Structure formats: structure tokens, C-alpha cells
Amino acid sequence: MQSYSERPDPSLLLAPKISQMLEQRHTHEARATLAELAMPEIVDLLVAIEPQHRAIAFRLLAREMAADAFTELPAQIQQRLMDELTNEQLAQLFNEMDPDDRAELFDEMPGQLVTQLLAMMRPEERRSTRAILGYPADSVGRLMTPEFLALKPDWTIQQGLDHIRQHGRDAETVDILYVVDKHGRLLDDIRIRELLLTDLATKIESLMDNSAVWLDAHDDREAAVRVMDRYDISVLPVVDRDHVLVGIVTFDDIADVAEEETTEDIHKGAAVAPLEMSYGETSASALFRKRIPWLLVLVFINLGSSSVIEFFEETLQSMIALAFFIPLLIDTGGNTGSQSATIMVRAIATGDLELKQWLRTVGKELSVGITLGVAMGVAGGMLGLIRSGWELGLIVGLSMVCIVITTNLVGASLPFILSKLHIDPAVASSPLITSIADITGLIIYFMFANWLIGSLPTGTALDEVTAAVDTTLSCVPCWLTMT
């Protein structure tokens, strides 16, 4: 028997077959075939099927199945289906969705259409959706679903099980149950296995240990990722400012958030504005718009490197061999700073480091930078010695030590500075750090060269270098505002 990973995707094989059934108007046969598919296979089939048959196939799905499938479809296909469904059909579709999925889709729709759909929905669904939409866009409240089971502490186990049988079908999960007081305030959580293994006459309060982990509905959604990871639980209760239980967030929602946040950090770290859709759904023109502003800013920042080389032209002319080591030194500085920044950004993102720990962290990175600098300085000095004698070897070696220490400190400090300014520290990754390291490395290199070969520029030249660096650094705020 083949494993699921080895089996061909049935949805891709069935797409032409379903299209043929619909072409021949064998709708009953098509409905029966669709009903046998798992949800991921239905989603893949709706993506693969001929566009002219997609809406018909979608209408053949059972209501709950159609609602679940719709939330998993790419945004472009969702939009096409919405264009082909009537407002009544859309209202029926949204009535069957989980409230959190419904609210997420409403966020992307025109306000007028949302108002029309809300007016046509069932009152209880309308209330739950409006409640979720009332929370900030990136808050835990937008992720939660109000479909949970709550028990009272003075109930017996028998009463609790009866309540589960009566209302459990409408709940998001019955694995974990919540105990609330008469005002709806969260008291504790209980696993259903505890109820099943306890005498039916026992009071529910006897199972409570007051160890429930919860989230505030106004917390940032990244907090849900951290808490769920830390406590290794798949469901978290959500309370309002009065500690009233208003919903729950589940692992599947948190996994989506974690993926989105990681993708956003990767994009920012590569100097790309985060994509609103998947790469496959993003047009070439949108990709151009996401990338070109950052590249233009980098051009102006990197002009600082050219300015430094220009102002130290005399130094280069006095020892042409210096040019041979420019790429080596600035690339090493950029790589060192990027390593340090990446480690810091990830540690801050996962909660491993807090802003109050910045001083200790910078001290730790200083010792690391010194060790790395000495090791790289010895290697660089040996190369310079082999290339052009002891004088160049000394210049390269000392420059390498100072460049590595400096860029390592910059890479470690910048994420903390950006976090303090409420800017995503992911911005401090490779492109920005590399650009700063290039300029810093060139200045250090040529200063050591001037000092050792006795061709220090005049005061005017030094003033010009300082002006060039100031001009370059003035571009950094432009970079930050783009994030």
C-alpha cells in the first residue's frame, strides 16, 4: 500500500473528470464524487478545474464543506467565485464559516459589500463577526472564535457531559473545556479526559487547579505564537479587559500567523517590502514596486563607499596594493555584522532576548567580536604579508581586527535600537548592515593605511570625508520609514 506522500494527487486527476461531468450536466455524479474527497483535495481541485466550471463545482459542495474550502482558496480564486455568486449565496456561505475566518475575509472586502452581507446573515453570526471586527487588525481578538464550551464550577460531571453533548457540535474543539463564573469570567481550563475519568457525581470545581494560561483580546497576535510555543498547548482562551472569556484561538490559526510573521521578517531582511499575497498570486509589476524603493535607497547609502574611496585617492595611489584587499575587508565586515544582526533579530522575535538585556548582550558580543577580530586579523595579515610585505600585512591585519569588532557591535546593537523605536528589528538584516559595514570598513582601512604609510590627508580632506559620511547616514531614516 502506498503512503500518502507517494500517492498521486487525486484532485489533479479528477479535475478533468469533474469538468467533463459538468459539461454533460451529470451534476449528481459530480456532487457524489466531490463528497468523497478530503478538504485539501477539494481545495486543490477547485484551483485546478477549468475556470468556467469552478463556480458550478463549488455550488455542488455541502454548505459547511464549501465554507471551509472557500477560506483555504487563493485570494484571486475567492474573488472570482464571489463575482459569480449572488449576495444571497454569499450570505449563506459566510453564515457557515467560522467567525474568525469570516472576519478575515471581510477585512479584504469593500465596506459596502460587508454591510450588505452582514445585514443578510443570521443575527447570532452577525453579532459574533462584528465583535471580532471590533478588535485591532493585528490583535489576538481578530484570530479568536467565540465557538467554545464553558462549564460552571458548581455543576456535576454529569451535567458537564450533558452540556457537551447538547452544544459540542457547534464548538471549535471539545478537547479543552473552560470553567467560568456566573459573570462569564474565566476561572480555569479542564481537559475532557479528566471529565471522562471522574465519577459523574463529582463537582467540576474539584478538578480545577487554577493554572489556566490565557491571552488578552487586545494582545498582539505574535504574543499568541510565543505563549502557545512556550506552554506547548494547542488551544488558548481569550479574555477581555474584565477577564470575561470571549473566545479561543487554536493551533491552526497560530501556525498561519507564525508563517506570515516569519515570511515578513525574511522579506524585510532582504530589503523587500512584505508581500500581501503569495508569490504565485503577486504580479510582476507588484514585485517591482516592492523591491525598487529599497534598491534606490541602497544606491544612495552605498554612494558613501564611493565617496570614501574618492577622498582617499592619494592613499591608494601611494600603495596600489591596498585596492586588492578592499573587497575582502568590506565583505568580511558585512558578513560579521549580518551574522550578529540575524542572531539578535531572531532572539528578540522569539522572546529569548528582551530590550532590558541590551547592555549585557552588547558586552557579550564585544567579547565575541574581539575573538573573531583577532582570528580574522591574523588571517588577513598573513594574506597581506604574502601579497606585498609586512607593511601591507600590518595594515590589513589591524584593519580586519577593528572592522570585525565594530561591525559585530553595530549588528548586535541596531536591532535593539530599532525595537526601542518601535520599528521591526528585521530591518537590521543583511542589506542595511552590509551598507553600513562597507562605509565603516573603508574608513577604518584607509585610516590605518594613512597612519602607517604617513600620507594622512589634510584637514580639508578629512572634513570632506566626514561630510560624505554624514550625507550617507542621513539616508538611513529614509530606509527606516519605508518599513
Protein backbone atom coordinates (compact mmCIF):
# COMPACT_ATOMS: atom_id res chain seq x y z
CA MET A 1 0.00 0.00 0.00
CA GLN A 2 1.32 3.46 -0.94
CA SER A 3 1.80 6.14 1.71
CA TYR A 4 0.00 9.45 1.24
CA SER A 5 3.27 11.08 0.25
CA GLU A 6 3.70 8.59 -2.59
CA ARG A 7 0.14 8.69 -3.95
CA PRO A 8 -0.67 10.91 -6.95
CA ASP A 9 -2.87 13.86 -6.03
CA PRO A 10 -6.46 12.67 -6.75
CA SER A 11 -7.68 16.25 -7.15
CA LEU A 12 -5.44 16.82 -10.18
CA LEU A 13 -6.61 13.53 -11.72
CA LEU A 14 -10.28 14.31 -11.03
CA ALA A 15 -10.31 17.91 -12.25
CA PRO A 16 -10.74 16.99 -15.95
CA LYS A 17 -13.25 14.29 -14.99
CA ILE A 18 -15.37 16.73 -12.94
CA SER A 19 -15.23 19.26 -15.78
CA GLN A 20 -16.48 16.59 -18.19
CA MET A 21 -19.33 15.64 -15.83
CA LEU A 22 -20.42 19.26 -15.56
CA GLU A 23 -20.12 19.71 -19.33
CA GLN A 24 -22.51 16.77 -19.75
CA ARG A 25 -24.71 18.04 -16.88
CA HIS A 26 -24.15 14.97 -14.71
CA THR A 27 -24.36 17.10 -11.58
CA HIS A 28 -25.48 14.31 -9.22
CA GLU A 29 -22.46 12.20 -10.16
CA ALA A 30 -20.15 15.20 -9.77
CA ARG A 31 -21.62 16.01 -6.32
CA ALA A 32 -21.11 12.41 -5.16
CA THR A 33 -17.50 12.45 -6.38
CA LEU A 34 -16.74 15.72 -4.62
CA ALA A 35 -18.27 14.45 -1.37
CA GLU A 36 -15.71 11.63 -1.23
CA LEU A 37 -12.70 13.97 -1.30
CA ALA A 38 -10.80 15.26 1.71
CA MET A 39 -10.76 19.03 2.26
CA PRO A 40 -7.21 19.65 0.95
CA GLU A 41 -8.09 17.66 -2.17
CA ILE A 42 -11.25 19.72 -2.74
CA VAL A 43 -9.25 22.95 -2.48
CA ASP A 44 -6.65 21.68 -4.97
CA LEU A 45 -9.40 20.54 -7.33
CA LEU A 46 -11.11 23.94 -7.29
CA VAL A 47 -7.77 25.54 -8.14
CA ALA A 48 -7.05 23.05 -10.96
CA ILE A 49 -10.51 22.81 -12.55
CA GLU A 50 -11.46 24.77 -15.67
CA PRO A 51 -12.46 28.33 -14.63
CA GLN A 52 -15.84 28.10 -16.38
CA HIS A 53 -16.74 25.06 -14.25
CA ARG A 54 -15.32 26.23 -10.93
CA ALA A 55 -18.37 28.12 -9.65
CA ILE A 56 -20.68 25.23 -10.56
CA ALA A 57 -18.46 22.70 -8.78
CA PHE A 58 -18.31 24.99 -5.77
CA ARG A 59 -22.11 25.21 -5.59
CA LEU A 60 -22.31 21.39 -5.54
CA LEU A 61 -20.42 21.21 -2.25
CA ALA A 62 -22.27 20.84 1.03
CA ARG A 63 -22.66 24.15 2.88
CA GLU A 64 -20.11 23.51 5.61
CA MET A 65 -17.68 21.95 3.15
CA ALA A 66 -18.00 24.94 0.80
CA ALA A 67 -17.36 27.38 3.65
CA ASP A 68 -14.24 25.52 4.79
CA ALA A 69 -12.92 25.21 1.23
CA PHE A 70 -13.51 28.88 0.46
CA THR A 71 -11.31 30.03 3.36
CA GLU A 72 -8.40 27.94 2.03
CA LEU A 73 -8.56 29.10 -1.59
CA PRO A 74 -6.11 31.68 -3.02
CA ALA A 75 -7.38 35.25 -2.89
CA GLN A 76 -7.73 35.55 -6.66
CA ILE A 77 -9.99 32.49 -6.88
CA GLN A 78 -12.01 33.67 -3.89
CA GLN A 79 -12.63 36.94 -5.71
CA ARG A 80 -13.69 35.17 -8.91
CA LEU A 81 -16.14 32.97 -7.02
CA MET A 82 -17.60 35.97 -5.21
CA ASP A 83 -18.14 37.70 -8.56
CA GLU A 84 -20.18 34.70 -9.74
CA LEU A 85 -22.25 34.18 -6.59
CA THR A 86 -25.31 36.24 -5.71
CA ASN A 87 -25.40 38.23 -2.47
CA GLU A 88 -27.84 35.67 -1.05
CA GLN A 89 -25.46 32.84 -1.88
CA LEU A 90 -22.56 34.77 -0.36
CA ALA A 91 -24.54 35.42 2.82
CA GLN A 92 -25.37 31.72 3.05
CA LEU A 93 -21.70 30.87 2.51
CA PHE A 94 -20.47 33.26 5.20
CA ASN A 95 -23.11 32.03 7.65
CA GLU A 96 -21.42 28.61 7.60
CA MET A 97 -17.89 29.92 8.15
CA ASP A 98 -16.06 30.11 11.45
CA PRO A 99 -16.36 33.68 12.78
CA ASP A 100 -12.59 34.31 12.71
CA ASP A 101 -12.31 33.15 9.07
CA ARG A 102 -15.31 35.28 8.15
CA ALA A 103 -13.85 38.38 9.79
CA GLU A 104 -10.52 37.87 7.99
CA LEU A 105 -12.28 37.76 4.61
CA PHE A 106 -14.43 40.79 5.43
CA ASP A 107 -11.24 42.75 6.06
CA GLU A 108 -10.37 42.43 2.36
CA MET A 109 -13.82 43.37 1.02
CA PRO A 110 -15.30 46.77 0.18
CA GLY A 111 -17.16 48.25 3.16
CA GLN A 112 -20.46 48.50 1.27
CA LEU A 113 -20.45 44.78 0.41
CA VAL A 114 -19.58 43.84 4.01
CA THR A 115 -22.52 45.92 5.27
CA GLN A 116 -24.88 44.20 2.80
CA LEU A 117 -23.64 40.72 3.74
CA LEU A 118 -23.86 41.39 7.47
CA ALA A 119 -27.46 42.56 7.06
CA MET A 120 -28.35 39.28 5.30
CA MET A 121 -26.67 36.96 7.81
CA ARG A 122 -28.20 35.23 10.81
CA PRO A 123 -28.34 37.52 13.90
CA GLU A 124 -26.01 35.38 16.00
CA GLU A 125 -23.43 35.17 13.19
CA ARG A 126 -23.68 38.91 12.61
CA ARG A 127 -23.06 39.65 16.31
CA SER A 128 -20.04 37.37 16.55
CA THR A 129 -18.49 38.82 13.38
CA ARG A 130 -18.98 42.42 14.48
CA ALA A 131 -17.43 41.59 17.85
CA ILE A 132 -14.30 40.22 16.19
CA LEU A 133 -14.07 43.10 13.71
CA GLY A 134 -14.16 45.50 16.66
CA TYR A 135 -10.65 44.47 17.74
CA PRO A 136 -7.44 45.93 16.25
CA ALA A 137 -6.29 44.35 12.98
CA ASP A 138 -3.19 42.56 14.38
CA SER A 139 -4.67 41.64 17.74
CA VAL A 140 -5.48 38.24 19.21
CA GLY A 141 -9.16 39.24 19.09
CA ARG A 142 -9.08 39.02 15.28
CA LEU A 143 -7.84 35.41 15.46
CA MET A 144 -10.26 34.06 18.03
CA THR A 145 -13.51 32.19 17.53
CA PRO A 146 -16.38 32.57 20.02
CA GLU A 147 -17.40 28.94 19.49
CA PHE A 148 -16.19 27.30 22.70
CA LEU A 149 -17.66 25.26 25.54
CA ALA A 150 -17.88 26.78 29.01
CA LEU A 151 -18.82 24.94 32.21
CA LYS A 152 -19.84 26.16 35.66
CA PRO A 153 -17.80 25.16 38.75
CA ASP A 154 -20.87 24.03 40.71
CA TRP A 155 -22.02 21.61 38.00
CA THR A 156 -21.51 17.90 38.43
CA ILE A 157 -19.50 15.91 35.90
CA GLN A 158 -22.80 14.51 34.61
CA GLN A 159 -24.17 18.00 33.98
CA GLY A 160 -20.96 18.95 32.21
CA LEU A 161 -21.11 15.91 29.90
CA ASP A 162 -24.78 16.61 29.14
CA HIS A 163 -23.84 20.18 28.21
CA ILE A 164 -21.10 18.90 25.90
CA ARG A 165 -23.49 16.50 24.15
CA GLN A 166 -26.03 19.29 23.66
CA HIS A 167 -23.68 22.05 22.42
CA GLY A 168 -20.46 20.31 21.41
CA ARG A 169 -21.28 20.13 17.69
CA ASP A 170 -21.09 23.92 17.41
CA ALA A 171 -17.79 24.25 19.30
CA GLU A 172 -14.40 24.70 17.65
CA THR A 173 -12.95 22.00 19.91
CA VAL A 174 -14.09 19.83 22.83
CA ASP A 175 -10.63 18.66 23.86
CA ILE A 176 -10.28 21.52 26.32
CA LEU A 177 -13.22 22.98 28.25
CA TYR A 178 -13.35 26.23 30.21
CA VAL A 179 -14.78 26.91 33.63
CA VAL A 180 -16.38 30.34 34.11
CA ASP A 181 -18.20 32.03 36.96
CA LYS A 182 -21.75 33.42 36.77
CA HIS A 183 -20.43 36.58 35.09
CA GLY A 184 -18.56 34.65 32.41
CA ARG A 185 -15.11 35.34 33.87
CA LEU A 186 -12.52 32.66 33.18
CA LEU A 187 -11.62 30.53 36.20
CA ASP A 188 -9.74 27.56 34.75
CA ASP A 189 -9.48 25.07 31.91
CA ILE A 190 -10.10 21.31 32.06
CA ARG A 191 -9.27 18.57 29.57
CA ILE A 192 -12.21 16.39 28.58
CA ARG A 193 -10.34 13.24 29.56
CA GLU A 194 -10.50 14.45 33.18
CA LEU A 195 -14.29 14.54 32.98
CA LEU A 196 -14.48 11.13 31.34
CA LEU A 197 -12.29 9.54 34.02
CA THR A 198 -14.05 11.12 37.03
CA ASP A 199 -17.12 9.97 38.97
CA LEU A 200 -20.28 11.51 37.50
CA ALA A 201 -21.46 12.91 40.84
CA THR A 202 -18.24 14.86 41.43
CA LYS A 203 -18.34 18.65 41.20
CA ILE A 204 -16.38 20.25 38.36
CA GLU A 205 -14.70 22.64 40.80
CA SER A 206 -12.89 19.66 42.34
CA LEU A 207 -10.95 19.25 39.08
CA MET A 208 -9.78 22.87 38.99
CA ASP A 209 -6.16 23.74 39.72
CA ASN A 210 -6.32 27.43 38.63
CA SER A 211 -3.44 27.01 36.17
CA ALA A 212 -5.13 28.24 33.00
CA VAL A 213 -2.93 30.17 30.56
CA TRP A 214 -4.83 32.92 28.77
CA LEU A 215 -4.46 35.85 26.38
CA ASP A 216 -6.00 39.31 26.34
CA ALA A 217 -8.05 40.01 23.23
CA HIS A 218 -6.06 43.21 22.66
CA ASP A 219 -2.65 41.48 22.80
CA ASP A 220 -0.60 41.49 19.62
CA ARG A 221 -1.14 38.25 17.70
CA GLU A 222 2.58 37.46 17.95
CA ALA A 223 2.01 37.04 21.68
CA ALA A 224 -0.24 34.08 20.92
CA VAL A 225 2.58 32.44 18.95
CA ARG A 226 5.05 32.87 21.83
CA VAL A 227 2.64 31.70 24.55
CA MET A 228 1.47 28.65 22.63
CA ASP A 229 5.06 27.68 21.89
CA ARG A 230 6.20 28.23 25.48
CA TYR A 231 3.43 26.22 27.14
CA ASP A 232 3.09 23.64 24.35
CA ILE A 233 -0.71 23.79 24.18
CA SER A 234 -2.91 23.75 21.10
CA VAL A 235 -5.76 25.98 22.32
CA LEU A 236 -5.66 29.23 24.29
CA PRO A 237 -8.59 31.07 25.92
CA VAL A 238 -9.02 34.77 25.15
CA VAL A 239 -10.44 37.21 27.71
CA ASP A 240 -11.47 40.87 27.60
CA ARG A 241 -10.38 43.66 29.95
CA ASP A 242 -12.81 42.37 32.62
CA HIS A 243 -11.39 38.82 32.33
CA VAL A 244 -14.61 37.61 30.69
CA LEU A 245 -14.00 34.67 28.36
CA VAL A 246 -14.81 35.92 24.84
CA GLY A 247 -13.20 33.29 22.60
CA ILE A 248 -10.39 30.84 21.93
CA VAL A 249 -7.51 30.68 19.46
CA THR A 250 -6.40 27.34 18.05
CA PHE A 251 -3.14 25.94 16.74
CA ASP A 252 -4.09 26.20 13.05
CA ASP A 253 -4.67 29.95 13.37
CA ILE A 254 -1.41 30.42 15.28
CA ALA A 255 0.53 28.37 12.71
CA ASP A 256 -0.72 30.70 9.96
CA VAL A 257 0.36 33.74 11.99
CA ALA A 258 3.81 32.27 12.65
CA GLU A 259 4.27 31.58 8.94
CA GLU A 260 3.17 35.09 7.99
CA GLU A 261 5.46 36.75 10.53
CA THR A 262 8.44 34.63 9.51
CA THR A 263 7.82 35.38 5.83
CA GLU A 264 7.54 39.10 6.58
CA ASP A 265 10.83 39.07 8.51
CA ILE A 266 12.58 37.22 5.68
CA HIS A 267 11.33 39.77 3.14
CA LYS A 268 12.34 42.74 5.28
CA GLY A 269 15.72 41.17 5.95
CA ALA A 270 16.33 41.01 2.21
CA ALA A 271 15.24 44.64 1.64
CA VAL A 272 11.88 43.71 0.11
CA ALA A 273 8.59 45.23 1.25
CA PRO A 274 6.44 42.34 2.60
CA LEU A 275 4.08 40.79 0.03
CA GLU A 276 0.36 40.89 0.82
CA MET A 277 -0.23 37.67 -1.17
CA SER A 278 1.74 34.56 -2.03
CA TYR A 279 4.46 34.85 -4.64
CA GLY A 280 2.36 32.95 -7.19
CA GLU A 281 -0.52 35.42 -6.78
CA THR A 282 1.69 38.52 -6.91
CA SER A 283 2.11 40.15 -10.33
CA ALA A 284 5.46 41.14 -11.81
CA SER A 285 4.56 44.82 -11.51
CA ALA A 286 3.74 44.39 -7.81
CA LEU A 287 7.08 42.64 -7.24
CA PHE A 288 8.81 45.57 -8.96
CA ARG A 289 7.06 48.06 -6.67
CA LYS A 290 8.00 46.06 -3.59
CA ARG A 291 11.69 45.96 -4.48
CA ILE A 292 12.64 49.14 -6.32
CA PRO A 293 12.29 51.66 -3.41
CA TRP A 294 14.67 49.67 -1.22
CA LEU A 295 17.20 49.28 -4.03
CA LEU A 296 17.17 53.03 -4.72
CA VAL A 297 17.76 53.80 -1.04
CA LEU A 298 20.64 51.32 -1.00
CA VAL A 299 22.17 53.07 -4.02
CA PHE A 300 22.31 56.37 -2.12
CA ILE A 301 23.65 54.72 1.03
CA ASN A 302 26.36 52.95 -0.96
CA LEU A 303 27.43 56.25 -2.51
CA GLY A 304 29.16 56.75 0.83
CA SER A 305 31.58 53.94 -0.03
CA SER A 306 32.45 55.59 -3.33
CA SER A 307 32.93 58.93 -1.56
CA VAL A 308 35.33 57.42 0.97
CA ILE A 309 37.44 55.84 -1.80
CA GLU A 310 37.46 59.12 -3.73
CA PHE A 311 38.65 61.17 -0.75
CA PHE A 312 41.42 58.68 0.00
CA GLU A 313 42.60 58.61 -3.61
CA GLU A 314 46.10 59.77 -2.60
CA THR A 315 46.44 56.87 -0.20
CA LEU A 316 45.52 54.39 -2.91
CA GLN A 317 47.97 55.95 -5.34
CA SER A 318 50.79 55.67 -2.81
CA MET A 319 50.18 51.92 -2.41
CA ILE A 320 48.13 50.38 -5.24
CA ALA A 321 48.17 47.00 -3.49
CA LEU A 322 45.67 48.44 -0.96
CA ALA A 323 42.92 48.11 -3.59
CA PHE A 324 43.39 44.33 -3.67
CA PHE A 325 42.08 43.95 -0.10
CA ILE A 326 39.11 46.35 -0.25
CA PRO A 327 36.54 43.64 -1.25
CA LEU A 328 37.96 41.23 1.31
CA LEU A 329 37.69 43.68 4.21
CA ILE A 330 34.28 45.18 3.49
CA ASP A 331 32.75 41.77 2.72
CA THR A 332 34.11 40.38 5.97
CA GLY A 333 32.70 43.35 7.87
CA GLY A 334 29.31 42.95 6.19
CA ASN A 335 29.21 39.22 6.86
CA THR A 336 30.16 39.72 10.52
CA GLY A 337 27.51 42.40 11.05
CA SER A 338 24.86 40.32 9.27
CA GLN A 339 25.63 37.29 11.42
CA SER A 340 25.32 39.30 14.62
CA ALA A 341 22.15 41.12 13.49
CA THR A 342 20.45 37.91 12.36
CA ILE A 343 21.13 36.23 15.71
CA MET A 344 19.81 39.26 17.61
CA VAL A 345 16.71 39.68 15.42
CA ARG A 346 15.75 36.04 15.86
CA ALA A 347 16.39 36.09 19.61
CA ILE A 348 14.21 39.20 20.01
CA ALA A 349 11.46 37.74 17.81
CA THR A 350 11.27 34.52 19.81
CA GLY A 351 11.37 36.31 23.17
CA ASP A 352 14.77 34.85 24.00
CA LEU A 353 16.09 38.40 24.46
CA GLU A 354 14.34 41.45 25.91
CA LEU A 355 15.21 45.12 25.47
CA LYS A 356 16.34 45.42 29.08
CA GLN A 357 19.09 42.88 28.35
CA TRP A 358 20.77 45.02 25.70
CA LEU A 359 23.76 46.08 27.81
CA ARG A 360 24.67 42.53 28.81
CA THR A 361 24.15 41.36 25.23
CA VAL A 362 26.36 44.07 23.75
CA GLY A 363 29.06 43.21 26.30
CA LYS A 364 28.84 39.57 25.30
CA GLU A 365 29.06 40.45 21.61
CA LEU A 366 32.05 42.70 22.31
CA SER A 367 33.99 39.72 23.66
CA VAL A 368 32.85 37.61 20.70
CA GLY A 369 33.84 40.40 18.30
CA ILE A 370 37.31 40.71 19.81
CA THR A 371 37.90 36.97 19.49
CA LEU A 372 36.61 36.90 15.92
CA GLY A 373 38.56 40.06 15.08
CA VAL A 374 41.88 38.65 16.29
CA ALA A 375 41.34 35.39 14.40
CA MET A 376 40.36 37.17 11.18
CA GLY A 377 43.11 39.78 11.69
CA VAL A 378 45.78 37.09 11.80
CA ALA A 379 44.40 35.50 8.65
CA GLY A 380 44.14 38.87 6.86
CA GLY A 381 47.58 39.95 7.99
CA MET A 382 49.14 36.76 6.62
CA LEU A 383 47.50 37.39 3.25
CA GLY A 384 48.77 40.97 3.20
CA LEU A 385 52.28 39.79 4.12
CA ILE A 386 52.30 37.26 1.31
CA ARG A 387 50.86 39.76 -1.16
CA SER A 388 53.07 42.78 -0.56
CA GLY A 389 55.26 42.52 2.53
CA TRP A 390 54.99 43.28 6.22
CA GLU A 391 53.72 46.85 5.85
CA LEU A 392 50.56 45.85 3.96
CA GLY A 393 50.18 42.81 6.19
CA LEU A 394 50.14 45.03 9.28
CA ILE A 395 47.61 47.43 7.70
CA VAL A 396 45.26 44.62 6.66
CA GLY A 397 45.61 42.76 9.96
CA LEU A 398 44.89 45.75 12.19
CA SER A 399 42.05 46.91 9.93
CA MET A 400 40.48 43.47 9.98
CA VAL A 401 40.52 43.35 13.79
CA CYS A 402 38.85 46.78 14.13
CA ILE A 403 36.36 46.20 11.31
CA VAL A 404 35.14 42.87 12.72
CA ILE A 405 34.79 44.27 16.26
CA THR A 406 32.97 47.40 15.03
CA THR A 407 30.56 45.69 12.64
CA ASN A 408 29.80 42.96 15.16
CA LEU A 409 28.80 45.63 17.69
CA VAL A 410 26.74 47.50 15.11
CA GLY A 411 24.95 44.30 14.10
CA ALA A 412 24.22 43.45 17.74
CA SER A 413 23.08 46.96 18.74
CA LEU A 414 20.94 48.02 15.79
CA PRO A 415 18.07 45.52 16.38
CA PHE A 416 17.75 46.75 19.98
CA ILE A 417 17.76 50.38 18.84
CA LEU A 418 15.07 49.72 16.22
CA SER A 419 12.94 47.79 18.73
CA LYS A 420 13.19 50.71 21.15
CA LEU A 421 11.95 52.99 18.35
CA HIS A 422 9.06 50.55 17.70
CA ILE A 423 10.47 49.58 14.31
CA ASP A 424 10.62 45.93 13.25
CA PRO A 425 14.20 44.79 14.03
CA ALA A 426 14.13 42.59 10.91
CA VAL A 427 15.06 45.77 9.03
CA ALA A 428 18.52 45.46 10.58
CA SER A 429 19.39 42.41 8.50
CA SER A 430 21.79 41.95 5.62
CA PRO A 431 21.36 44.91 3.19
CA LEU A 432 21.34 47.73 5.77
CA ILE A 433 24.06 46.21 7.94
CA THR A 434 26.21 45.46 4.89
CA SER A 435 25.90 49.01 3.59
CA ILE A 436 26.87 50.49 6.97
CA ALA A 437 29.72 47.99 7.29
CA ASP A 438 31.07 48.94 3.84
CA ILE A 439 31.44 52.59 4.75
CA THR A 440 32.78 51.89 8.25
CA GLY A 441 35.25 49.32 6.94
CA LEU A 442 36.66 51.60 4.27
CA ILE A 443 37.19 54.46 6.72
CA ILE A 444 38.98 52.16 9.20
CA TYR A 445 41.11 50.63 6.45
CA PHE A 446 42.28 53.91 4.96
CA MET A 447 42.87 55.49 8.35
CA PHE A 448 45.24 52.65 9.27
CA ALA A 449 46.90 52.94 5.85
CA ASN A 450 47.44 56.69 6.30
CA TRP A 451 48.77 56.22 9.79
CA LEU A 452 51.27 53.55 8.77
CA ILE A 453 52.49 54.93 5.44
CA GLY A 454 52.49 58.56 6.54
CA SER A 455 50.15 60.04 3.94
CA LEU A 456 47.40 61.36 6.18
CA PRO A 457 45.12 63.77 4.23
CA THR A 458 44.91 67.45 5.09
CA GLY A 459 42.25 68.82 7.38
CA THR A 460 40.14 69.84 4.39
CA ALA A 461 40.17 66.31 3.02
CA LEU A 462 39.16 64.91 6.39
CA ASP A 463 36.32 67.41 6.59
CA GLU A 464 35.14 66.22 3.18
CA VAL A 465 35.21 62.60 4.34
CA THR A 466 33.18 63.48 7.42
CA ALA A 467 30.67 65.35 5.26
CA ALA A 468 30.35 62.36 2.94
CA VAL A 469 29.69 60.01 5.84
CA ASP A 470 27.10 62.40 7.31
CA THR A 471 25.34 62.55 3.94
CA THR A 472 25.28 58.77 3.70
CA LEU A 473 23.95 58.28 7.21
CA SER A 474 21.20 60.79 6.53
CA CYS A 475 19.75 58.25 4.10
CA VAL A 476 19.18 55.74 6.91
CA PRO A 477 15.97 57.41 8.23
CA CYS A 478 14.57 57.10 4.70
CA TRP A 479 15.22 53.37 4.89
CA LEU A 480 13.51 53.08 8.26
CA THR A 481 10.38 54.98 7.25
CA MET A 482 9.86 52.55 4.38
CA THR A 483 9.32 49.74 6.88
